[in-house]
Amino acid sequence: MDADTESEGGALAWQADSLCAQTDPEAFFPEKGGSTRDAKKICSSCEVRAQCLEYALENDERFGIWGGLSERERRKLRRRA
């Protein structure tokens, strides 16, 4: 367990159940212009997708695929909220 998980009383415990934790992280942080298809496919069947997206939105994650959405998609979602 990392320090973030401990310090937040297990608030990040969902990460242990994430499919991306069992996958090459490079897929979730593609180079500019790279494909996000593989990462989004993995996210689509992940049990903790909602928690992941919530975390990314609350922490203003600016890079990578979180909860099945790219940074651009999360930015659009924030604007609509």
C-alpha atoms as a PDB file:
ATOM      1  CA  MET A   1       0.000   0.000   0.000  1.00  0.00           C
ATOM      2  CA  ASP A   2       1.407   3.391  -0.877  1.00  0.00           C
ATOM      3  CA  ALA A   3       1.468   6.502   1.277  1.00  0.00           C
ATOM      4  CA  ASP A   4      -1.436   8.133  -0.605  1.00  0.00           C
ATOM      5  CA  THR A   5      -3.706   5.191   0.108  1.00  0.00           C
ATOM      6  CA  GLU A   6      -2.755   5.159   3.775  1.00  0.00           C
ATOM      7  CA  SER A   7      -2.969   8.924   4.271  1.00  0.00           C
ATOM      8  CA  GLU A   8      -6.423   9.104   2.723  1.00  0.00           C
ATOM      9  CA  GLY A   9      -7.811   6.281   4.843  1.00  0.00           C
ATOM     10  CA  GLY A  10      -8.112   3.926   1.920  1.00  0.00           C
ATOM     11  CA  ALA A  11      -9.716   6.483  -0.390  1.00  0.00           C
ATOM     12  CA  LEU A  12      -7.549   5.194  -3.216  1.00  0.00           C
ATOM     13  CA  ALA A  13      -8.081   1.518  -2.430  1.00  0.00           C
ATOM     14  CA  TRP A  14     -10.060   1.204  -5.685  1.00  0.00           C
ATOM     15  CA  GLN A  15      -6.757   1.439  -7.570  1.00  0.00           C
ATOM     16  CA  ALA A  16      -5.836  -2.070  -6.438  1.00  0.00           C
ATOM     17  CA  ASP A  17      -8.901  -3.372  -8.322  1.00  0.00           C
ATOM     18  CA  SER A  18      -8.265  -1.395 -11.491  1.00  0.00           C
ATOM     19  CA  LEU A  19      -7.505  -3.245 -14.704  1.00  0.00           C
ATOM     20  CA  CYS A  20      -4.877  -0.676 -15.637  1.00  0.00           C
ATOM     21  CA  ALA A  21      -2.842  -1.725 -12.606  1.00  0.00           C
ATOM     22  CA  GLN A  22      -2.395  -5.068 -14.365  1.00  0.00           C
ATOM     23  CA  THR A  23      -1.578  -3.514 -17.747  1.00  0.00           C
ATOM     24  CA  ASP A  24       1.308  -1.645 -19.346  1.00  0.00           C
ATOM     25  CA  PRO A  25       0.924   1.951 -18.097  1.00  0.00           C
ATOM     26  CA  GLU A  26       2.243   3.298 -21.409  1.00  0.00           C
ATOM     27  CA  ALA A  27      -1.138   2.477 -22.975  1.00  0.00           C
ATOM     28  CA  PHE A  28      -2.798   4.987 -20.641  1.00  0.00           C
ATOM     29  CA  PHE A  29      -0.290   7.764 -21.304  1.00  0.00           C
ATOM     30  CA  PRO A  30       0.205   7.727 -25.092  1.00  0.00           C
ATOM     31  CA  GLU A  31       2.531  10.090 -26.888  1.00  0.00           C
ATOM     32  CA  LYS A  32       0.840  13.147 -28.390  1.00  0.00           C
ATOM     33  CA  GLY A  33      -1.183  11.953 -31.353  1.00  0.00           C
ATOM     34  CA  GLY A  34      -0.933   8.323 -30.210  1.00  0.00           C
ATOM     35  CA  SER A  35      -3.894   5.978 -30.035  1.00  0.00           C
ATOM     36  CA  THR A  36      -6.033   5.792 -26.908  1.00  0.00           C
ATOM     37  CA  ARG A  37      -8.139   2.914 -28.243  1.00  0.00           C
ATOM     38  CA  ASP A  38      -6.455   0.114 -26.251  1.00  0.00           C
ATOM     39  CA  ALA A  39      -6.629   2.021 -22.969  1.00  0.00           C
ATOM     40  CA  LYS A  40     -10.281   2.942 -23.473  1.00  0.00           C
ATOM     41  CA  LYS A  41     -11.117  -0.664 -24.321  1.00  0.00           C
ATOM     42  CA  ILE A  42      -9.556  -1.801 -21.034  1.00  0.00           C
ATOM     43  CA  CYS A  43     -11.410   0.922 -19.126  1.00  0.00           C
ATOM     44  CA  SER A  44     -14.730  -0.078 -20.660  1.00  0.00           C
ATOM     45  CA  SER A  45     -14.715  -3.368 -18.748  1.00  0.00           C
ATOM     46  CA  CYS A  46     -13.129  -2.102 -15.529  1.00  0.00           C
ATOM     47  CA  GLU A  47     -15.165  -2.412 -12.310  1.00  0.00           C
ATOM     48  CA  VAL A  48     -13.742   0.795 -10.841  1.00  0.00           C
ATOM     49  CA  ARG A  49     -14.119   3.021 -13.889  1.00  0.00           C
ATOM     50  CA  ALA A  50     -16.505   5.418 -12.112  1.00  0.00           C
ATOM     51  CA  GLN A  51     -14.180   5.848  -9.110  1.00  0.00           C
ATOM     52  CA  CYS A  52     -11.250   6.399 -11.463  1.00  0.00           C
ATOM     53  CA  LEU A  53     -13.059   9.098 -13.417  1.00  0.00           C
ATOM     54  CA  GLU A  54     -14.239  10.762 -10.216  1.00  0.00           C
ATOM     55  CA  TYR A  55     -10.655  10.803  -8.921  1.00  0.00           C
ATOM     56  CA  ALA A  56      -9.364  12.329 -12.168  1.00  0.00           C
ATOM     57  CA  LEU A  57     -12.010  15.054 -12.157  1.00  0.00           C
ATOM     58  CA  GLU A  58     -11.528  15.903  -8.475  1.00  0.00           C
ATOM     59  CA  ASN A  59      -7.740  16.041  -8.850  1.00  0.00           C
ATOM     60  CA  ASP A  60      -7.681  17.794 -12.218  1.00  0.00           C
ATOM     61  CA  GLU A  61      -5.588  15.058 -13.844  1.00  0.00           C
ATOM     62  CA  ARG A  62      -4.250  16.601 -17.024  1.00  0.00           C
ATOM     63  CA  PHE A  63      -2.541  13.626 -18.623  1.00  0.00           C
ATOM     64  CA  GLY A  64      -3.540  10.140 -19.581  1.00  0.00           C
ATOM     65  CA  ILE A  65      -6.700   8.103 -19.818  1.00  0.00           C
ATOM     66  CA  TRP A  66      -8.684   8.033 -16.570  1.00  0.00           C
ATOM     67  CA  GLY A  67     -12.083   6.405 -16.246  1.00  0.00           C
ATOM     68  CA  GLY A  68     -12.101   5.781 -19.981  1.00  0.00           C
ATOM     69  CA  LEU A  69     -11.762   9.451 -20.919  1.00  0.00           C
ATOM     70  CA  SER A  70      -8.884  11.466 -22.332  1.00  0.00           C
ATOM     71  CA  GLU A  71      -7.864  14.799 -20.847  1.00  0.00           C
ATOM     72  CA  ARG A  72      -9.776  16.597 -23.612  1.00  0.00           C
ATOM     73  CA  GLU A  73     -12.917  14.547 -22.926  1.00  0.00           C
ATOM     74  CA  ARG A  74     -12.650  15.215 -19.182  1.00  0.00           C
ATOM     75  CA  ARG A  75     -12.251  18.933 -19.854  1.00  0.00           C
ATOM     76  CA  LYS A  76     -15.455  18.922 -21.945  1.00  0.00           C
ATOM     77  CA  LEU A  77     -17.254  16.997 -19.212  1.00  0.00           C
ATOM     78  CA  ARG A  78     -16.164  19.582 -16.609  1.00  0.00           C
ATOM     79  CA  ARG A  79     -17.462  22.427 -18.781  1.00  0.00           C
ATOM     80  CA  ARG A  80     -20.880  20.787 -19.054  1.00  0.00           C
ATOM     81  CA  ALA A  81     -21.130  20.293 -15.282  1.00  0.00           C
END
